[in-house]
Amino acid sequence: MVHKNDPGLTSWIGAALRMRRIAAGLTLKEFGEQVEVSIATVARWETEENAPDALMVHKIAETLAVLPEDFSRAPRVV
């Protein structure tokens, strides 16, 4: 499924989310509980079936201790 606002965004968010979730040592279940969504929802984000909305991206970033911009395609200059 393609994100309604950006055709390339869904796959980028999915890959970034999966990488950061695993790096944080969280299972799908643990991460879903922390951001208050189902395991299926997290799996759909990671497998590119769907993408979280902007408010959820902020919650995801807070949970993973990263910036919301880390889920955009624009690289962050450090």
N, C-alpha and C. Protein backbone atom coordinates (compact mmCIF):
# COMPACT_ATOMS: atom_id res chain seq x y z
N MET A 1 0.85 -1.18 0.00
CA MET A 1 0.00 0.00 0.00
C MET A 1 0.89 1.24 0.00
N VAL A 2 0.49 2.23 -0.69
CA VAL A 2 1.24 3.47 -0.78
C VAL A 2 0.61 4.50 0.14
N HIS A 3 1.45 5.24 0.85
CA HIS A 3 0.95 6.30 1.71
C HIS A 3 0.27 7.34 0.84
N LYS A 4 -0.87 7.82 1.26
CA LYS A 4 -1.66 8.71 0.42
C LYS A 4 -0.96 10.02 0.09
N ASN A 5 -0.01 10.45 0.91
CA ASN A 5 0.65 11.72 0.68
C ASN A 5 2.01 11.62 0.01
N ASP A 6 2.62 10.45 0.03
CA ASP A 6 3.97 10.31 -0.52
C ASP A 6 4.21 8.86 -0.91
N PRO A 7 4.29 8.58 -2.19
CA PRO A 7 4.44 7.20 -2.64
C PRO A 7 5.66 6.47 -2.09
N GLY A 8 6.73 7.17 -1.80
CA GLY A 8 7.93 6.51 -1.30
C GLY A 8 8.04 6.47 0.21
N LEU A 9 7.15 7.15 0.89
CA LEU A 9 7.26 7.30 2.34
C LEU A 9 6.99 6.02 3.11
N THR A 10 6.00 5.25 2.71
CA THR A 10 5.61 4.07 3.46
C THR A 10 6.77 3.09 3.62
N SER A 11 7.46 2.78 2.55
CA SER A 11 8.54 1.80 2.64
C SER A 11 9.70 2.34 3.46
N TRP A 12 9.96 3.62 3.37
CA TRP A 12 11.07 4.19 4.14
C TRP A 12 10.76 4.14 5.63
N ILE A 13 9.56 4.51 6.00
CA ILE A 13 9.19 4.47 7.42
C ILE A 13 9.23 3.04 7.94
N GLY A 14 8.74 2.09 7.16
CA GLY A 14 8.74 0.69 7.58
C GLY A 14 10.13 0.18 7.88
N ALA A 15 11.06 0.44 6.99
CA ALA A 15 12.44 -0.02 7.18
C ALA A 15 13.09 0.67 8.37
N ALA A 16 12.88 1.97 8.50
CA ALA A 16 13.48 2.73 9.60
C ALA A 16 12.90 2.28 10.94
N LEU A 17 11.59 2.06 10.98
CA LEU A 17 10.95 1.61 12.21
C LEU A 17 11.47 0.25 12.63
N ARG A 18 11.49 -0.69 11.70
CA ARG A 18 11.95 -2.04 12.03
C ARG A 18 13.38 -2.01 12.56
N MET A 19 14.26 -1.29 11.88
CA MET A 19 15.65 -1.20 12.29
C MET A 19 15.79 -0.62 13.71
N ARG A 20 15.07 0.45 13.96
CA ARG A 20 15.17 1.10 15.27
C ARG A 20 14.51 0.28 16.38
N ARG A 21 13.41 -0.39 16.06
CA ARG A 21 12.74 -1.24 17.06
C ARG A 21 13.65 -2.40 17.47
N ILE A 22 14.25 -3.04 16.50
CA ILE A 22 15.15 -4.15 16.79
C ILE A 22 16.38 -3.67 17.55
N ALA A 23 16.93 -2.53 17.15
CA ALA A 23 18.09 -1.97 17.84
C ALA A 23 17.77 -1.65 19.31
N ALA A 24 16.51 -1.29 19.57
CA ALA A 24 16.08 -1.00 20.93
C ALA A 24 15.80 -2.28 21.72
N GLY A 25 15.86 -3.43 21.05
CA GLY A 25 15.63 -4.70 21.72
C GLY A 25 14.17 -4.98 22.02
N LEU A 26 13.27 -4.39 21.22
CA LEU A 26 11.85 -4.56 21.46
C LEU A 26 11.23 -5.53 20.46
N THR A 27 10.36 -6.39 20.96
CA THR A 27 9.59 -7.27 20.09
C THR A 27 8.43 -6.46 19.50
N LEU A 28 7.77 -7.03 18.51
CA LEU A 28 6.57 -6.37 17.98
C LEU A 28 5.55 -6.12 19.09
N LYS A 29 5.37 -7.13 19.94
CA LYS A 29 4.40 -7.01 21.03
C LYS A 29 4.79 -5.91 22.01
N GLU A 30 6.04 -5.90 22.43
CA GLU A 30 6.50 -4.88 23.40
C GLU A 30 6.37 -3.48 22.82
N PHE A 31 6.79 -3.33 21.57
CA PHE A 31 6.70 -2.01 20.95
C PHE A 31 5.25 -1.58 20.79
N GLY A 32 4.40 -2.49 20.32
CA GLY A 32 2.98 -2.19 20.17
C GLY A 32 2.35 -1.75 21.48
N GLU A 33 2.71 -2.43 22.57
CA GLU A 33 2.17 -2.05 23.88
C GLU A 33 2.63 -0.64 24.27
N GLN A 34 3.87 -0.31 23.97
CA GLN A 34 4.40 1.00 24.34
C GLN A 34 3.76 2.14 23.56
N VAL A 35 3.42 1.90 22.30
CA VAL A 35 2.79 2.96 21.50
C VAL A 35 1.28 2.78 21.41
N GLU A 36 0.77 1.79 22.13
CA GLU A 36 -0.67 1.54 22.27
C GLU A 36 -1.37 1.20 20.96
N VAL A 37 -0.74 0.29 20.19
CA VAL A 37 -1.36 -0.26 18.98
C VAL A 37 -1.16 -1.77 19.01
N SER A 38 -1.87 -2.45 18.14
CA SER A 38 -1.76 -3.91 18.09
C SER A 38 -0.48 -4.36 17.40
N ILE A 39 -0.13 -5.61 17.64
CA ILE A 39 1.02 -6.21 16.96
C ILE A 39 0.79 -6.13 15.44
N ALA A 40 -0.43 -6.38 15.02
CA ALA A 40 -0.76 -6.36 13.59
C ALA A 40 -0.50 -4.98 12.99
N THR A 41 -0.81 -3.93 13.72
CA THR A 41 -0.58 -2.58 13.22
C THR A 41 0.90 -2.33 13.03
N VAL A 42 1.71 -2.69 14.01
CA VAL A 42 3.17 -2.51 13.89
C VAL A 42 3.68 -3.33 12.71
N ALA A 43 3.22 -4.55 12.58
CA ALA A 43 3.64 -5.40 11.46
C ALA A 43 3.27 -4.78 10.12
N ARG A 44 2.08 -4.19 10.03
CA ARG A 44 1.67 -3.55 8.76
C ARG A 44 2.56 -2.36 8.45
N TRP A 45 2.96 -1.60 9.47
CA TRP A 45 3.88 -0.48 9.24
C TRP A 45 5.21 -1.00 8.71
N GLU A 46 5.72 -2.04 9.36
CA GLU A 46 7.05 -2.56 9.00
C GLU A 46 7.06 -3.28 7.66
N THR A 47 5.95 -3.86 7.26
CA THR A 47 5.90 -4.58 5.99
C THR A 47 5.34 -3.71 4.86
N GLU A 48 5.21 -2.45 5.13
CA GLU A 48 4.85 -1.45 4.12
C GLU A 48 3.41 -1.54 3.63
N GLU A 49 2.54 -2.19 4.41
CA GLU A 49 1.12 -2.23 4.05
C GLU A 49 0.43 -0.92 4.40
N ASN A 50 0.97 -0.22 5.37
CA ASN A 50 0.37 1.02 5.84
C ASN A 50 1.47 1.86 6.48
N ALA A 51 1.18 3.11 6.77
CA ALA A 51 2.14 3.98 7.45
C ALA A 51 1.44 4.70 8.59
N PRO A 52 2.16 4.96 9.67
CA PRO A 52 1.57 5.71 10.78
C PRO A 52 1.33 7.16 10.38
N ASP A 53 0.32 7.77 10.99
CA ASP A 53 0.08 9.19 10.72
C ASP A 53 1.12 10.04 11.46
N ALA A 54 1.11 11.32 11.21
CA ALA A 54 2.13 12.22 11.77
C ALA A 54 2.15 12.21 13.29
N LEU A 55 1.00 12.17 13.93
CA LEU A 55 0.97 12.14 15.40
C LEU A 55 1.60 10.86 15.93
N MET A 56 1.33 9.74 15.25
CA MET A 56 1.90 8.47 15.68
C MET A 56 3.41 8.44 15.44
N VAL A 57 3.87 9.07 14.38
CA VAL A 57 5.32 9.13 14.14
C VAL A 57 6.01 9.82 15.31
N HIS A 58 5.40 10.86 15.85
CA HIS A 58 5.97 11.55 17.01
C HIS A 58 5.99 10.63 18.23
N LYS A 59 4.93 9.86 18.43
CA LYS A 59 4.87 8.92 19.56
C LYS A 59 5.91 7.81 19.39
N ILE A 60 6.06 7.32 18.16
CA ILE A 60 7.05 6.29 17.86
C ILE A 60 8.45 6.82 18.15
N ALA A 61 8.72 8.02 17.68
CA ALA A 61 10.04 8.62 17.88
C ALA A 61 10.34 8.80 19.36
N GLU A 62 9.36 9.26 20.11
CA GLU A 62 9.54 9.43 21.55
C GLU A 62 9.83 8.09 22.23
N THR A 63 9.09 7.07 21.85
CA THR A 63 9.26 5.74 22.42
C THR A 63 10.65 5.18 22.13
N LEU A 64 11.16 5.43 20.92
CA LEU A 64 12.46 4.90 20.52
C LEU A 64 13.61 5.87 20.81
N ALA A 65 13.31 7.00 21.44
CA ALA A 65 14.31 8.01 21.81
C ALA A 65 15.09 8.51 20.59
N VAL A 66 14.34 8.81 19.52
CA VAL A 66 14.91 9.41 18.32
C VAL A 66 14.06 10.61 17.95
N LEU A 67 14.47 11.34 16.93
CA LEU A 67 13.68 12.48 16.46
C LEU A 67 12.69 12.02 15.40
N PRO A 68 11.52 12.66 15.32
CA PRO A 68 10.57 12.31 14.27
C PRO A 68 11.20 12.43 12.88
N GLU A 69 12.11 13.36 12.71
CA GLU A 69 12.78 13.54 11.43
C GLU A 69 13.58 12.31 11.02
N ASP A 70 13.93 11.46 11.98
CA ASP A 70 14.66 10.23 11.66
C ASP A 70 13.80 9.27 10.83
N PHE A 71 12.51 9.56 10.72
CA PHE A 71 11.62 8.73 9.92
C PHE A 71 11.25 9.41 8.60
N SER A 72 11.89 10.53 8.32
CA SER A 72 11.66 11.18 7.03
C SER A 72 12.76 10.74 6.07
N ARG A 73 12.58 11.02 4.81
CA ARG A 73 13.59 10.62 3.85
C ARG A 73 14.76 11.61 3.82
N ALA A 74 14.56 12.78 4.37
CA ALA A 74 15.63 13.77 4.38
C ALA A 74 16.64 13.41 5.46
N PRO A 75 17.91 13.30 5.11
CA PRO A 75 18.91 12.95 6.13
C PRO A 75 19.08 14.08 7.14
N ARG A 76 19.34 13.70 8.36
CA ARG A 76 19.56 14.67 9.42
C ARG A 76 21.05 14.92 9.54
N VAL A 77 21.43 16.18 9.51
CA VAL A 77 22.84 16.54 9.63
C VAL A 77 23.20 16.56 11.10
N VAL A 78 24.25 15.84 11.45
CA VAL A 78 24.66 15.74 12.85
C VAL A 78 25.87 16.60 13.09
